[in-house]
Amino acid sequence: RLSGPWQPLSGLHIDGYQIHLGETASADPTLPPAFEPTSQLGGQLGWQRGNLLALYLHGLFENPAVVHALFARSARPLAQVFDGLADLVGEHFDEGALMGLLAKG
């Protein structure tokens, strides 16, 4: 059902979560929902108009299948990315530098 750059996501099972209250409906009733929820979420999780994909679905890029479908490559797990970031901060900042910046604020 998706088209353009998002077409590779069509038919994929995607895990995610939503963080909003209430119910949202498209201003254009002819737009079909981008994803059909398969759990208790209910409602519509997003819409596509042209190349724009608007979603309430968080965690999309934490799905290896999504990353591979869109970019034709694998991605490191998010925890591994954060560990690498922490290692870089540890290598390139003096001990206590970040806490010192927080204390100034």
PDB file of N, CA and C in Angstrom:
ATOM      1  N   ARG A   1       0.809  -1.193   0.000  1.00  0.00           N
ATOM      2  CA  ARG A   1       0.000   0.000   0.000  1.00  0.00           C
ATOM      3  C   ARG A   1       0.859   1.267   0.000  1.00  0.00           C
ATOM      4  N   LEU A   2       2.070   1.236   0.554  1.00  0.00           N
ATOM      5  CA  LEU A   2       2.945   2.401   0.512  1.00  0.00           C
ATOM      6  C   LEU A   2       3.585   2.524  -0.860  1.00  0.00           C
ATOM      7  N   SER A   3       3.996   3.745  -1.209  1.00  0.00           N
ATOM      8  CA  SER A   3       4.589   3.958  -2.528  1.00  0.00           C
ATOM      9  C   SER A   3       5.846   4.811  -2.407  1.00  0.00           C
ATOM     10  N   GLY A   4       6.494   5.014  -3.540  1.00  0.00           N
ATOM     11  CA  GLY A   4       7.695   5.846  -3.568  1.00  0.00           C
ATOM     12  C   GLY A   4       8.804   5.253  -2.717  1.00  0.00           C
ATOM     13  N   PRO A   5       9.542   6.105  -2.004  1.00  0.00           N
ATOM     14  CA  PRO A   5      10.675   5.606  -1.225  1.00  0.00           C
ATOM     15  C   PRO A   5      10.258   4.699  -0.073  1.00  0.00           C
ATOM     16  N   TRP A   6       8.983   4.733   0.296  1.00  0.00           N
ATOM     17  CA  TRP A   6       8.490   3.924   1.423  1.00  0.00           C
ATOM     18  C   TRP A   6       7.943   2.579   0.984  1.00  0.00           C
ATOM     19  N   GLN A   7       7.853   2.332  -0.309  1.00  0.00           N
ATOM     20  CA  GLN A   7       7.265   1.093  -0.822  1.00  0.00           C
ATOM     21  C   GLN A   7       7.922  -0.157  -0.248  1.00  0.00           C
ATOM     22  N   PRO A   8       9.256  -0.180  -0.019  1.00  0.00           N
ATOM     23  CA  PRO A   8       9.849  -1.399   0.543  1.00  0.00           C
ATOM     24  C   PRO A   8       9.290  -1.803   1.909  1.00  0.00           C
ATOM     25  N   LEU A   9       8.607  -0.876   2.596  1.00  0.00           N
ATOM     26  CA  LEU A   9       8.021  -1.209   3.896  1.00  0.00           C
ATOM     27  C   LEU A   9       6.664  -1.901   3.771  1.00  0.00           C
ATOM     28  N   SER A  10       6.064  -1.854   2.589  1.00  0.00           N
ATOM     29  CA  SER A  10       4.746  -2.461   2.403  1.00  0.00           C
ATOM     30  C   SER A  10       4.809  -3.950   2.710  1.00  0.00           C
ATOM     31  N   GLY A  11       3.902  -4.396   3.528  1.00  0.00           N
ATOM     32  CA  GLY A  11       3.810  -5.806   3.857  1.00  0.00           C
ATOM     33  C   GLY A  11       4.747  -6.270   4.961  1.00  0.00           C
ATOM     34  N   LEU A  12       5.660  -5.407   5.421  1.00  0.00           N
ATOM     35  CA  LEU A  12       6.556  -5.800   6.510  1.00  0.00           C
ATOM     36  C   LEU A  12       5.820  -5.795   7.843  1.00  0.00           C
ATOM     37  N   HIS A  13       6.146  -6.759   8.685  1.00  0.00           N
ATOM     38  CA  HIS A  13       5.678  -6.704  10.068  1.00  0.00           C
ATOM     39  C   HIS A  13       6.655  -5.808  10.813  1.00  0.00           C
ATOM     40  N   ILE A  14       6.162  -4.744  11.404  1.00  0.00           N
ATOM     41  CA  ILE A  14       7.009  -3.753  12.065  1.00  0.00           C
ATOM     42  C   ILE A  14       6.592  -3.628  13.521  1.00  0.00           C
ATOM     43  N   ASP A  15       7.553  -3.791  14.413  1.00  0.00           N
ATOM     44  CA  ASP A  15       7.289  -3.581  15.834  1.00  0.00           C
ATOM     45  C   ASP A  15       7.534  -2.120  16.161  1.00  0.00           C
ATOM     46  N   GLY A  16       6.735  -1.565  17.037  1.00  0.00           N
ATOM     47  CA  GLY A  16       6.908  -0.184  17.461  1.00  0.00           C
ATOM     48  C   GLY A  16       5.955   0.118  18.597  1.00  0.00           C
ATOM     49  N   TYR A  17       5.909   1.351  18.948  1.00  0.00           N
ATOM     50  CA  TYR A  17       5.040   1.782  20.033  1.00  0.00           C
ATOM     51  C   TYR A  17       4.586   3.201  19.744  1.00  0.00           C
ATOM     52  N   GLN A  18       3.513   3.611  20.401  1.00  0.00           N
ATOM     53  CA  GLN A  18       3.043   4.972  20.221  1.00  0.00           C
ATOM     54  C   GLN A  18       2.960   5.653  21.578  1.00  0.00           C
ATOM     55  N   ILE A  19       3.234   6.954  21.568  1.00  0.00           N
ATOM     56  CA  ILE A  19       3.241   7.732  22.805  1.00  0.00           C
ATOM     57  C   ILE A  19       2.339   8.946  22.601  1.00  0.00           C
ATOM     58  N   HIS A  20       1.084   8.742  22.475  1.00  0.00           N
ATOM     59  CA  HIS A  20       0.182   9.888  22.421  1.00  0.00           C
ATOM     60  C   HIS A  20      -1.176   9.461  22.953  1.00  0.00           C
ATOM     61  N   LEU A  21      -1.904  10.440  23.396  1.00  0.00           N
ATOM     62  CA  LEU A  21      -3.254  10.196  23.889  1.00  0.00           C
ATOM     63  C   LEU A  21      -4.233  10.766  22.882  1.00  0.00           C
ATOM     64  N   GLY A  22      -5.399  10.247  22.899  1.00  0.00           N
ATOM     65  CA  GLY A  22      -6.407  10.746  21.989  1.00  0.00           C
ATOM     66  C   GLY A  22      -6.404   9.970  20.694  1.00  0.00           C
ATOM     67  N   GLU A  23      -7.165  10.476  19.769  1.00  0.00           N
ATOM     68  CA  GLU A  23      -7.291   9.810  18.484  1.00  0.00           C
ATOM     69  C   GLU A  23      -7.105  10.846  17.387  1.00  0.00           C
ATOM     70  N   THR A  24      -6.379  10.502  16.367  1.00  0.00           N
ATOM     71  CA  THR A  24      -6.114  11.411  15.262  1.00  0.00           C
ATOM     72  C   THR A  24      -6.705  10.828  13.998  1.00  0.00           C
ATOM     73  N   ALA A  25      -7.270  11.685  13.205  1.00  0.00           N
ATOM     74  CA  ALA A  25      -7.798  11.269  11.906  1.00  0.00           C
ATOM     75  C   ALA A  25      -7.225  12.185  10.840  1.00  0.00           C
ATOM     76  N   SER A  26      -7.019  11.656   9.674  1.00  0.00           N
ATOM     77  CA  SER A  26      -6.500  12.437   8.564  1.00  0.00           C
ATOM     78  C   SER A  26      -7.519  13.482   8.142  1.00  0.00           C
ATOM     79  N   ALA A  27      -7.032  14.670   7.775  1.00  0.00           N
ATOM     80  CA  ALA A  27      -7.922  15.707   7.248  1.00  0.00           C
ATOM     81  C   ALA A  27      -8.432  15.331   5.858  1.00  0.00           C
ATOM     82  N   ASP A  28      -7.743  14.396   5.231  1.00  0.00           N
ATOM     83  CA  ASP A  28      -8.137  13.928   3.905  1.00  0.00           C
ATOM     84  C   ASP A  28      -8.636  12.492   4.037  1.00  0.00           C
ATOM     85  N   PRO A  29      -9.946  12.297   4.055  1.00  0.00           N
ATOM     86  CA  PRO A  29     -10.479  10.946   4.272  1.00  0.00           C
ATOM     87  C   PRO A  29     -10.142   9.961   3.161  1.00  0.00           C
ATOM     88  N   THR A  30      -9.621  10.443   2.030  1.00  0.00           N
ATOM     89  CA  THR A  30      -9.254   9.528   0.947  1.00  0.00           C
ATOM     90  C   THR A  30      -7.887   8.901   1.162  1.00  0.00           C
ATOM     91  N   LEU A  31      -7.101   9.422   2.126  1.00  0.00           N
ATOM     92  CA  LEU A  31      -5.776   8.842   2.394  1.00  0.00           C
ATOM     93  C   LEU A  31      -5.937   7.570   3.214  1.00  0.00           C
ATOM     94  N   PRO A  32      -5.468   6.449   2.692  1.00  0.00           N
ATOM     95  CA  PRO A  32      -5.537   5.225   3.499  1.00  0.00           C
ATOM     96  C   PRO A  32      -4.452   5.264   4.577  1.00  0.00           C
ATOM     97  N   PRO A  33      -4.650   4.544   5.681  1.00  0.00           N
ATOM     98  CA  PRO A  33      -3.612   4.506   6.706  1.00  0.00           C
ATOM     99  C   PRO A  33      -2.345   3.858   6.165  1.00  0.00           C
ATOM    100  N   ALA A  34      -1.189   4.341   6.646  1.00  0.00           N
ATOM    101  CA  ALA A  34       0.090   3.802   6.198  1.00  0.00           C
ATOM    102  C   ALA A  34       0.327   2.410   6.765  1.00  0.00           C
ATOM    103  N   PHE A  35      -0.099   2.191   7.989  1.00  0.00           N
ATOM    104  CA  PHE A  35       0.089   0.893   8.652  1.00  0.00           C
ATOM    105  C   PHE A  35      -1.194   0.526   9.373  1.00  0.00           C
ATOM    106  N   GLU A  36      -1.514  -0.722   9.326  1.00  0.00           N
ATOM    107  CA  GLU A  36      -2.661  -1.237  10.072  1.00  0.00           C
ATOM    108  C   GLU A  36      -2.148  -1.851  11.367  1.00  0.00           C
ATOM    109  N   PRO A  37      -2.572  -1.351  12.516  1.00  0.00           N
ATOM    110  CA  PRO A  37      -2.106  -1.959  13.765  1.00  0.00           C
ATOM    111  C   PRO A  37      -2.637  -3.379  13.908  1.00  0.00           C
ATOM    112  N   THR A  38      -1.792  -4.261  14.444  1.00  0.00           N
ATOM    113  CA  THR A  38      -2.198  -5.653  14.632  1.00  0.00           C
ATOM    114  C   THR A  38      -2.338  -5.984  16.112  1.00  0.00           C
ATOM    115  N   SER A  39      -2.326  -4.959  16.958  1.00  0.00           N
ATOM    116  CA  SER A  39      -2.457  -5.208  18.391  1.00  0.00           C
ATOM    117  C   SER A  39      -3.605  -4.386  18.933  1.00  0.00           C
ATOM    118  N   GLN A  40      -3.596  -4.186  20.230  1.00  0.00           N
ATOM    119  CA  GLN A  40      -4.657  -3.454  20.901  1.00  0.00           C
ATOM    120  C   GLN A  40      -4.595  -1.951  20.649  1.00  0.00           C
ATOM    121  N   LEU A  41      -3.597  -1.473  19.888  1.00  0.00           N
ATOM    122  CA  LEU A  41      -3.464  -0.030  19.665  1.00  0.00           C
ATOM    123  C   LEU A  41      -4.697   0.552  18.996  1.00  0.00           C
ATOM    124  N   GLY A  42      -5.153  -0.078  17.960  1.00  0.00           N
ATOM    125  CA  GLY A  42      -6.300   0.427  17.230  1.00  0.00           C
ATOM    126  C   GLY A  42      -5.999   1.755  16.555  1.00  0.00           C
ATOM    127  N   GLY A  43      -6.949   2.239  15.779  1.00  0.00           N
ATOM    128  CA  GLY A  43      -6.774   3.524  15.131  1.00  0.00           C
ATOM    129  C   GLY A  43      -5.760   3.471  14.006  1.00  0.00           C
ATOM    130  N   GLN A  44      -5.418   4.636  13.502  1.00  0.00           N
ATOM    131  CA  GLN A  44      -4.462   4.731  12.411  1.00  0.00           C
ATOM    132  C   GLN A  44      -3.129   5.206  12.962  1.00  0.00           C
ATOM    133  N   LEU A  45      -2.047   4.626  12.461  1.00  0.00           N
ATOM    134  CA  LEU A  45      -0.710   4.957  12.958  1.00  0.00           C
ATOM    135  C   LEU A  45       0.024   5.923  12.051  1.00  0.00           C
ATOM    136  N   GLY A  46      -0.526   6.268  10.917  1.00  0.00           N
ATOM    137  CA  GLY A  46       0.150   7.210  10.036  1.00  0.00           C
ATOM    138  C   GLY A  46      -0.459   7.224   8.656  1.00  0.00           C
ATOM    139  N   TRP A  47       0.028   8.177   7.855  1.00  0.00           N
ATOM    140  CA  TRP A  47      -0.450   8.336   6.500  1.00  0.00           C
ATOM    141  C   TRP A  47       0.710   8.684   5.591  1.00  0.00           C
ATOM    142  N   GLN A  48       0.534   8.420   4.314  1.00  0.00           N
ATOM    143  CA  GLN A  48       1.507   8.827   3.314  1.00  0.00           C
ATOM    144  C   GLN A  48       0.824   9.751   2.318  1.00  0.00           C
ATOM    145  N   ARG A  49       1.499  10.851   2.012  1.00  0.00           N
ATOM    146  CA  ARG A  49       1.057  11.747   0.936  1.00  0.00           C
ATOM    147  C   ARG A  49       2.290  12.059   0.114  1.00  0.00           C
ATOM    148  N   GLY A  50       2.341  11.564  -1.110  1.00  0.00           N
ATOM    149  CA  GLY A  50       3.531  11.729  -1.938  1.00  0.00           C
ATOM    150  C   GLY A  50       4.712  11.027  -1.278  1.00  0.00           C
ATOM    151  N   ASN A  51       5.822  11.736  -1.120  1.00  0.00           N
ATOM    152  CA  ASN A  51       7.006  11.158  -0.480  1.00  0.00           C
ATOM    153  C   ASN A  51       7.023  11.352   1.026  1.00  0.00           C
ATOM    154  N   LEU A  52       6.008  11.988   1.577  1.00  0.00           N
ATOM    155  CA  LEU A  52       5.940  12.249   3.011  1.00  0.00           C
ATOM    156  C   LEU A  52       5.237  11.100   3.725  1.00  0.00           C
ATOM    157  N   LEU A  53       5.895  10.552   4.734  1.00  0.00           N
ATOM    158  CA  LEU A  53       5.300   9.513   5.568  1.00  0.00           C
ATOM    159  C   LEU A  53       5.192  10.077   6.978  1.00  0.00           C
ATOM    160  N   ALA A  54       3.981  10.249   7.467  1.00  0.00           N
ATOM    161  CA  ALA A  54       3.738  10.785   8.809  1.00  0.00           C
ATOM    162  C   ALA A  54       3.271   9.639   9.695  1.00  0.00           C
ATOM    163  N   LEU A  55       3.977   9.429  10.803  1.00  0.00           N
ATOM    164  CA  LEU A  55       3.700   8.277  11.667  1.00  0.00           C
ATOM    165  C   LEU A  55       3.551   8.644  13.129  1.00  0.00           C
ATOM    166  N   TYR A  56       2.763   7.858  13.838  1.00  0.00           N
ATOM    167  CA  TYR A  56       2.738   7.857  15.288  1.00  0.00           C
ATOM    168  C   TYR A  56       3.546   6.684  15.823  1.00  0.00           C
ATOM    169  N   LEU A  57       4.149   5.955  14.951  1.00  0.00           N
ATOM    170  CA  LEU A  57       4.871   4.742  15.320  1.00  0.00           C
ATOM    171  C   LEU A  57       6.307   5.092  15.692  1.00  0.00           C
ATOM    172  N   HIS A  58       6.673   4.891  16.940  1.00  0.00           N
ATOM    173  CA  HIS A  58       8.034   5.138  17.401  1.00  0.00           C
ATOM    174  C   HIS A  58       8.822   3.828  17.344  1.00  0.00           C
ATOM    175  N   GLY A  59      10.120   3.938  17.192  1.00  0.00           N
ATOM    176  CA  GLY A  59      10.975   2.761  17.159  1.00  0.00           C
ATOM    177  C   GLY A  59      11.119   2.148  15.787  1.00  0.00           C
ATOM    178  N   LEU A  60      10.674   2.865  14.756  1.00  0.00           N
ATOM    179  CA  LEU A  60      10.703   2.327  13.397  1.00  0.00           C
ATOM    180  C   LEU A  60      12.105   1.876  12.998  1.00  0.00           C
ATOM    181  N   PHE A  61      13.115   2.714  13.279  1.00  0.00           N
ATOM    182  CA  PHE A  61      14.474   2.398  12.836  1.00  0.00           C
ATOM    183  C   PHE A  61      15.205   1.475  13.807  1.00  0.00           C
ATOM    184  N   GLU A  62      14.506   0.977  14.812  1.00  0.00           N
ATOM    185  CA  GLU A  62      15.061  -0.057  15.687  1.00  0.00           C
ATOM    186  C   GLU A  62      14.722  -1.448  15.159  1.00  0.00           C
ATOM    187  N   ASN A  63      14.011  -1.507  14.051  1.00  0.00           N
ATOM    188  CA  ASN A  63      13.634  -2.754  13.410  1.00  0.00           C
ATOM    189  C   ASN A  63      14.654  -3.086  12.323  1.00  0.00           C
ATOM    190  N   PRO A  64      15.445  -4.149  12.480  1.00  0.00           N
ATOM    191  CA  PRO A  64      16.428  -4.502  11.453  1.00  0.00           C
ATOM    192  C   PRO A  64      15.813  -4.666  10.063  1.00  0.00           C
ATOM    193  N   ALA A  65      14.605  -5.198   9.989  1.00  0.00           N
ATOM    194  CA  ALA A  65      13.961  -5.399   8.684  1.00  0.00           C
ATOM    195  C   ALA A  65      13.657  -4.064   8.010  1.00  0.00           C
ATOM    196  N   VAL A  66      13.298  -3.050   8.784  1.00  0.00           N
ATOM    197  CA  VAL A  66      13.008  -1.726   8.231  1.00  0.00           C
ATOM    198  C   VAL A  66      14.287  -1.101   7.681  1.00  0.00           C
ATOM    199  N   VAL A  67      15.349  -1.140   8.473  1.00  0.00           N
ATOM    200  CA  VAL A  67      16.626  -0.559   8.043  1.00  0.00           C
ATOM    201  C   VAL A  67      17.102  -1.241   6.761  1.00  0.00           C
ATOM    202  N   HIS A  68      17.009  -2.554   6.731  1.00  0.00           N
ATOM    203  CA  HIS A  68      17.452  -3.288   5.543  1.00  0.00           C
ATOM    204  C   HIS A  68      16.562  -2.968   4.338  1.00  0.00           C
ATOM    205  N   ALA A  69      15.264  -2.894   4.546  1.00  0.00           N
ATOM    206  CA  ALA A  69      14.346  -2.612   3.437  1.00  0.00           C
ATOM    207  C   ALA A  69      14.590  -1.224   2.843  1.00  0.00           C
ATOM    208  N   LEU A  70      14.873  -0.242   3.685  1.00  0.00           N
ATOM    209  CA  LEU A  70      15.037   1.129   3.197  1.00  0.00           C
ATOM    210  C   LEU A  70      16.443   1.436   2.686  1.00  0.00           C
ATOM    211  N   PHE A  71      17.458   0.821   3.323  1.00  0.00           N
ATOM    212  CA  PHE A  71      18.831   1.197   3.007  1.00  0.00           C
ATOM    213  C   PHE A  71      19.675   0.056   2.443  1.00  0.00           C
ATOM    214  N   ALA A  72      19.079  -1.130   2.299  1.00  0.00           N
ATOM    215  CA  ALA A  72      19.760  -2.312   1.765  1.00  0.00           C
ATOM    216  C   ALA A  72      21.049  -2.619   2.513  1.00  0.00           C
ATOM    217  N   ARG A  73      21.030  -2.400   3.800  1.00  0.00           N
ATOM    218  CA  ARG A  73      22.179  -2.745   4.638  1.00  0.00           C
ATOM    219  C   ARG A  73      21.697  -2.980   6.053  1.00  0.00           C
ATOM    220  N   SER A  74      22.530  -3.626   6.815  1.00  0.00           N
ATOM    221  CA  SER A  74      22.198  -3.907   8.207  1.00  0.00           C
ATOM    222  C   SER A  74      22.648  -2.746   9.078  1.00  0.00           C
ATOM    223  N   ALA A  75      22.031  -2.633  10.210  1.00  0.00           N
ATOM    224  CA  ALA A  75      22.406  -1.602  11.179  1.00  0.00           C
ATOM    225  C   ALA A  75      22.760  -2.268  12.495  1.00  0.00           C
ATOM    226  N   ARG A  76      23.650  -1.626  13.218  1.00  0.00           N
ATOM    227  CA  ARG A  76      23.994  -2.145  14.540  1.00  0.00           C
ATOM    228  C   ARG A  76      22.805  -1.964  15.478  1.00  0.00           C
ATOM    229  N   PRO A  77      22.630  -2.852  16.448  1.00  0.00           N
ATOM    230  CA  PRO A  77      21.560  -2.661  17.430  1.00  0.00           C
ATOM    231  C   PRO A  77      21.748  -1.339  18.176  1.00  0.00           C
ATOM    232  N   LEU A  78      20.636  -0.732  18.570  1.00  0.00           N
ATOM    233  CA  LEU A  78      20.675   0.572  19.215  1.00  0.00           C
ATOM    234  C   LEU A  78      21.556   0.578  20.463  1.00  0.00           C
ATOM    235  N   ALA A  79      21.503  -0.474  21.262  1.00  0.00           N
ATOM    236  CA  ALA A  79      22.337  -0.537  22.466  1.00  0.00           C
ATOM    237  C   ALA A  79      23.820  -0.477  22.100  1.00  0.00           C
ATOM    238  N   GLN A  80      24.191  -1.110  21.010  1.00  0.00           N
ATOM    239  CA  GLN A  80      25.589  -1.092  20.563  1.00  0.00           C
ATOM    240  C   GLN A  80      25.989   0.315  20.092  1.00  0.00           C
ATOM    241  N   VAL A  81      25.074   1.028  19.451  1.00  0.00           N
ATOM    242  CA  VAL A  81      25.345   2.399  19.020  1.00  0.00           C
ATOM    243  C   VAL A  81      25.581   3.292  20.235  1.00  0.00           C
ATOM    244  N   PHE A  82      24.741   3.156  21.258  1.00  0.00           N
ATOM    245  CA  PHE A  82      24.905   3.975  22.471  1.00  0.00           C
ATOM    246  C   PHE A  82      26.190   3.620  23.208  1.00  0.00           C
ATOM    247  N   ASP A  83      26.538   2.344  23.231  1.00  0.00           N
ATOM    248  CA  ASP A  83      27.812   1.951  23.853  1.00  0.00           C
ATOM    249  C   ASP A  83      28.988   2.585  23.117  1.00  0.00           C
ATOM    250  N   GLY A  84      28.936   2.597  21.796  1.00  0.00           N
ATOM    251  CA  GLY A  84      29.995   3.218  21.006  1.00  0.00           C
ATOM    252  C   GLY A  84      30.079   4.718  21.255  1.00  0.00           C
ATOM    253  N   LEU A  85      28.927   5.365  21.390  1.00  0.00           N
ATOM    254  CA  LEU A  85      28.900   6.790  21.689  1.00  0.00           C
ATOM    255  C   LEU A  85      29.517   7.061  23.062  1.00  0.00           C
ATOM    256  N   ALA A  86      29.181   6.247  24.037  1.00  0.00           N
ATOM    257  CA  ALA A  86      29.762   6.404  25.377  1.00  0.00           C
ATOM    258  C   ALA A  86      31.274   6.207  25.328  1.00  0.00           C
ATOM    259  N   ASP A  87      31.745   5.250  24.544  1.00  0.00           N
ATOM    260  CA  ASP A  87      33.193   5.037  24.398  1.00  0.00           C
ATOM    261  C   ASP A  87      33.872   6.265  23.799  1.00  0.00           C
ATOM    262  N   LEU A  88      33.252   6.873  22.778  1.00  0.00           N
ATOM    263  CA  LEU A  88      33.822   8.071  22.162  1.00  0.00           C
ATOM    264  C   LEU A  88      33.888   9.237  23.140  1.00  0.00           C
ATOM    265  N   VAL A  89      32.831   9.411  23.910  1.00  0.00           N
ATOM    266  CA  VAL A  89      32.833  10.474  24.921  1.00  0.00           C
ATOM    267  C   VAL A  89      33.935  10.211  25.938  1.00  0.00           C
ATOM    268  N   GLY A  90      34.068   8.960  26.362  1.00  0.00           N
ATOM    269  CA  GLY A  90      35.112   8.612  27.325  1.00  0.00           C
ATOM    270  C   GLY A  90      36.514   8.866  26.792  1.00  0.00           C
ATOM    271  N   GLU A  91      36.711   8.659  25.493  1.00  0.00           N
ATOM    272  CA  GLU A  91      38.024   8.866  24.868  1.00  0.00           C
ATOM    273  C   GLU A  91      38.363  10.343  24.666  1.00  0.00           C
ATOM    274  N   HIS A  92      37.356  11.161  24.366  1.00  0.00           N
ATOM    275  CA  HIS A  92      37.633  12.514  23.890  1.00  0.00           C
ATOM    276  C   HIS A  92      37.263  13.634  24.857  1.00  0.00           C
ATOM    277  N   PHE A  93      36.677  13.315  25.987  1.00  0.00           N
ATOM    278  CA  PHE A  93      36.356  14.331  26.992  1.00  0.00           C
ATOM    279  C   PHE A  93      37.140  14.031  28.258  1.00  0.00           C
ATOM    280  N   ASP A  94      37.615  15.091  28.905  1.00  0.00           N
ATOM    281  CA  ASP A  94      38.265  14.910  30.204  1.00  0.00           C
ATOM    282  C   ASP A  94      37.233  14.418  31.206  1.00  0.00           C
ATOM    283  N   GLU A  95      37.702  13.647  32.169  1.00  0.00           N
ATOM    284  CA  GLU A  95      36.804  13.132  33.201  1.00  0.00           C
ATOM    285  C   GLU A  95      36.118  14.296  33.909  1.00  0.00           C
ATOM    286  N   GLY A  96      34.822  14.228  34.035  1.00  0.00           N
ATOM    287  CA  GLY A  96      34.050  15.269  34.708  1.00  0.00           C
ATOM    288  C   GLY A  96      33.646  16.428  33.816  1.00  0.00           C
ATOM    289  N   ALA A  97      34.093  16.461  32.551  1.00  0.00           N
ATOM    290  CA  ALA A  97      33.782  17.591  31.667  1.00  0.00           C
ATOM    291  C   ALA A  97      32.282  17.735  31.428  1.00  0.00           C
ATOM    292  N   LEU A  98      31.599  16.643  31.165  1.00  0.00           N
ATOM    293  CA  LEU A  98      30.160  16.722  30.909  1.00  0.00           C
ATOM    294  C   LEU A  98      29.386  17.137  32.149  1.00  0.00           C
ATOM    295  N   MET A  99      29.773  16.599  33.286  1.00  0.00           N
ATOM    296  CA  MET A  99      29.104  16.993  34.534  1.00  0.00           C
ATOM    297  C   MET A  99      29.345  18.478  34.820  1.00  0.00           C
ATOM    298  N   GLY A 100      30.545  18.964  34.476  1.00  0.00           N
ATOM    299  CA  GLY A 100      30.838  20.376  34.647  1.00  0.00           C
ATOM    300  C   GLY A 100      29.941  21.258  33.779  1.00  0.00           C
ATOM    301  N   LEU A 101      29.670  20.828  32.568  1.00  0.00           N
ATOM    302  CA  LEU A 101      28.760  21.560  31.694  1.00  0.00           C
ATOM    303  C   LEU A 101      27.340  21.567  32.257  1.00  0.00           C
ATOM    304  N   LEU A 102      26.925  20.457  32.814  1.00  0.00           N
ATOM    305  CA  LEU A 102      25.589  20.401  33.407  1.00  0.00           C
ATOM    306  C   LEU A 102      25.481  21.293  34.626  1.00  0.00           C
ATOM    307  N   ALA A 103      26.536  21.347  35.410  1.00  0.00           N
ATOM    308  CA  ALA A 103      26.528  22.174  36.626  1.00  0.00           C
ATOM    309  C   ALA A 103      26.438  23.659  36.303  1.00  0.00           C
ATOM    310  N   LYS A 104      26.981  24.069  35.148  1.00  0.00           N
ATOM    311  CA  LYS A 104      26.930  25.477  34.750  1.00  0.00           C
ATOM    312  C   LYS A 104      25.514  25.917  34.367  1.00  0.00           C
ATOM    313  N   GLY A 105      24.707  24.958  33.910  1.00  0.00           N
ATOM    314  CA  GLY A 105      23.369  25.290  33.442  1.00  0.00           C
ATOM    315  C   GLY A 105      22.444  25.553  34.554  1.00  0.00           C
TER     316      GLY A 105
END
